[in-house]
N, C-alpha and C. Protein backbone atom coordinates (compact mmCIF):
# COMPACT_ATOMS: atom_id res chain seq x y z
N MET A 1 0.40 -1.12 -0.42
CA MET A 1 0.10 -0.09 0.46
C MET A 1 1.03 1.19 0.12
N ARG A 2 0.37 1.96 -0.96
CA ARG A 2 1.64 3.38 -1.09
C ARG A 2 0.48 4.83 -0.18
N ILE A 3 1.01 5.59 -0.26
CA ILE A 3 0.33 6.67 0.44
C ILE A 3 1.20 7.96 -0.67
N LEU A 4 0.60 8.28 -1.51
CA LEU A 4 0.42 9.47 -2.09
C LEU A 4 0.46 10.77 -0.92
N LYS A 5 1.01 11.56 -1.08
CA LYS A 5 1.00 13.07 -1.12
C LYS A 5 0.86 14.39 -2.00
N LEU A 6 0.11 14.91 -1.07
CA LEU A 6 -0.66 16.34 -2.26
C LEU A 6 -0.59 16.61 -3.41
N PRO A 7 1.18 17.06 -3.65
CA PRO A 7 1.59 17.01 -4.43
C PRO A 7 1.33 16.23 -6.47
N GLU A 8 1.50 15.05 -5.21
CA GLU A 8 1.01 13.84 -6.39
C GLU A 8 0.23 13.46 -6.58
N VAL A 9 -0.86 14.12 -6.00
CA VAL A 9 -2.25 13.89 -6.33
C VAL A 9 -2.88 14.15 -6.80
N ILE A 10 -2.20 15.90 -7.16
CA ILE A 10 -2.67 17.16 -8.37
C ILE A 10 -2.21 16.70 -9.37
N ALA A 11 -0.90 16.22 -9.78
CA ALA A 11 0.24 15.97 -10.46
C ALA A 11 -0.79 14.82 -11.23
N ILE A 12 -1.51 13.89 -10.22
CA ILE A 12 -2.00 12.07 -11.04
C ILE A 12 -3.13 12.39 -11.78
N THR A 13 -4.29 13.61 -10.76
CA THR A 13 -4.98 13.66 -11.42
C THR A 13 -5.65 15.62 -12.48
N ALA A 14 -4.36 15.76 -12.47
CA ALA A 14 -4.46 17.21 -13.00
C ALA A 14 -5.73 18.70 -12.32
N LEU A 15 -6.42 18.05 -10.97
CA LEU A 15 -7.62 18.79 -10.19
C LEU A 15 -6.17 19.84 -9.59
N SER A 16 -7.31 20.93 -8.97
CA SER A 16 -5.56 21.98 -8.03
C SER A 16 -6.26 21.54 -6.84
N ARG A 17 -5.92 21.94 -6.25
CA ARG A 17 -5.74 21.62 -4.22
C ARG A 17 -7.11 21.56 -3.68
N SER A 18 -7.57 23.08 -4.56
CA SER A 18 -9.17 23.47 -4.11
C SER A 18 -10.53 22.05 -4.29
N SER A 19 -10.02 22.31 -5.76
CA SER A 19 -10.58 20.54 -6.41
C SER A 19 -11.08 19.71 -5.65
N ILE A 20 -9.73 19.71 -4.79
CA ILE A 20 -9.55 17.79 -4.61
C ILE A 20 -10.30 17.99 -3.30
N TYR A 21 -9.92 19.04 -1.95
CA TYR A 21 -10.69 18.85 -0.78
C TYR A 21 -12.05 19.47 -1.23
N ALA A 22 -12.60 19.94 -2.32
CA ALA A 22 -13.78 20.25 -1.95
C ALA A 22 -14.94 18.55 -2.39
N LYS A 23 -13.72 17.63 -3.48
CA LYS A 23 -14.92 16.83 -3.61
C LYS A 23 -15.03 15.71 -2.68
N ALA A 24 -13.72 16.09 -1.96
CA ALA A 24 -13.27 15.07 -1.32
C ALA A 24 -14.22 14.93 -0.05
N LYS A 25 -14.85 16.46 0.55
CA LYS A 25 -16.07 16.93 1.21
C LYS A 25 -16.71 16.55 0.78
N ASP A 26 -17.78 16.44 -0.32
CA ASP A 26 -18.76 16.37 -0.95
C ASP A 26 -19.14 15.04 -1.80
N GLY A 27 -18.18 14.01 -1.31
CA GLY A 27 -17.93 12.68 -1.53
C GLY A 27 -17.97 12.01 -2.98
N THR A 28 -16.94 12.62 -3.82
CA THR A 28 -17.21 12.88 -5.09
C THR A 28 -15.16 12.05 -5.11
N PHE A 29 -14.81 12.47 -4.04
CA PHE A 29 -13.02 11.83 -4.25
C PHE A 29 -12.99 11.68 -3.19
N PRO A 30 -11.70 10.77 -3.17
CA PRO A 30 -11.01 9.83 -1.83
C PRO A 30 -11.11 11.18 -1.13
N MET A 31 -11.06 10.37 0.45
CA MET A 31 -11.11 11.15 1.41
C MET A 31 -9.63 10.94 1.85
N PRO A 32 -8.80 11.73 2.44
CA PRO A 32 -8.02 11.75 2.84
C PRO A 32 -7.09 10.84 3.72
N VAL A 33 -6.03 10.33 4.10
CA VAL A 33 -5.90 9.30 5.44
C VAL A 33 -4.77 10.17 6.44
N LYS A 34 -5.43 10.95 8.24
CA LYS A 34 -3.96 11.84 8.53
C LYS A 34 -3.02 10.50 9.02
N LEU A 35 -1.80 11.60 8.50
CA LEU A 35 -0.93 10.40 8.46
C LEU A 35 0.05 11.05 10.33
N SER A 36 -0.37 12.55 10.54
CA SER A 36 0.05 12.92 11.78
C SER A 36 -0.77 14.49 12.05
N GLU A 37 -0.66 15.25 12.80
CA GLU A 37 -1.04 16.33 13.25
C GLU A 37 -1.75 17.45 12.00
N ARG A 38 -0.50 17.64 10.86
CA ARG A 38 -0.19 18.56 10.12
C ARG A 38 -0.02 17.94 8.63
N SER A 39 -0.31 16.63 8.98
CA SER A 39 -0.29 15.98 7.69
C SER A 39 -1.16 14.66 7.54
N VAL A 40 -1.93 14.91 5.87
CA VAL A 40 -2.09 13.66 5.29
C VAL A 40 -1.56 13.49 3.92
N GLY A 41 -2.07 12.08 3.12
CA GLY A 41 -2.42 11.20 2.59
C GLY A 41 -3.19 11.00 1.75
N TRP A 42 -3.42 10.14 0.40
CA TRP A 42 -4.29 9.63 -0.26
C TRP A 42 -3.61 7.91 -0.47
N LEU A 43 -4.37 6.97 -0.50
CA LEU A 43 -4.43 6.08 -0.75
C LEU A 43 -4.33 5.91 -2.58
N GLU A 44 -3.31 5.65 -3.16
CA GLU A 44 -2.76 5.26 -4.14
C GLU A 44 -3.54 4.66 -5.36
N HIS A 45 -3.84 3.20 -3.98
CA HIS A 45 -5.45 2.13 -5.10
C HIS A 45 -7.01 3.05 -5.04
N GLU A 46 -7.08 4.22 -3.74
CA GLU A 46 -7.94 4.61 -3.85
C GLU A 46 -8.28 6.26 -5.46
N ILE A 47 -6.48 6.31 -5.32
CA ILE A 47 -6.57 7.42 -6.26
C ILE A 47 -6.86 6.93 -8.22
N VAL A 48 -6.09 5.25 -7.96
CA VAL A 48 -6.49 4.74 -9.25
C VAL A 48 -7.14 4.37 -9.52
N GLU A 49 -8.45 3.71 -8.65
CA GLU A 49 -9.83 3.77 -8.52
C GLU A 49 -10.84 4.56 -9.28
N TRP A 50 -10.44 6.33 -8.49
CA TRP A 50 -11.54 7.53 -9.25
C TRP A 50 -10.77 7.36 -10.52
N LEU A 51 -9.51 7.58 -10.67
CA LEU A 51 -9.43 7.58 -12.69
C LEU A 51 -10.52 6.85 -13.40
N GLU A 52 -10.46 5.09 -13.11
CA GLU A 52 -10.39 4.23 -13.81
C GLU A 52 -11.65 4.62 -14.05
N LYS A 53 -12.22 5.36 -12.51
CA LYS A 53 -14.31 5.07 -13.35
C LYS A 53 -14.33 6.85 -13.94
N ARG A 54 -13.34 7.46 -13.62
CA ARG A 54 -14.02 8.52 -14.45
C ARG A 54 -13.48 8.16 -15.98
N VAL A 55 -12.24 7.52 -15.95
CA VAL A 55 -12.12 7.53 -17.60
C VAL A 55 -13.39 6.34 -18.50
N SER A 56 -13.38 5.15 -17.63
CA SER A 56 -15.47 4.34 -17.82
C SER A 56 -16.39 5.07 -18.28
N GLU A 57 -16.95 5.98 -17.14
CA GLU A 57 -17.35 7.00 -17.23
C GLU A 57 -17.51 7.23 -18.83
N SER A 58 -16.51 8.36 -19.34
CA SER A 58 -15.99 8.93 -20.30
C SER A 58 -15.99 8.10 -22.01
N ARG A 59 -16.31 7.09 -21.74
CA ARG A 59 -16.49 6.34 -22.24
C ARG A 59 -17.46 6.49 -23.10
N ARG A 60 -18.47 5.85 -22.27
CA ARG A 60 -19.74 5.54 -22.79
C ARG A 60 -20.55 6.00 -23.75
């Protein structure tokens, strides 16, 4: 299991920081995992699944 920090998530998804947090808040993007008091990360497999779902939906 690999944890991605925000810069990696931004690079992979092409979403802005604010979009990532807004989508996570409204349930349309994976929630971050709290790593410490001031640090969060995202599970790589959840980000990959989210991207695969976007691609699948766009190909219908």
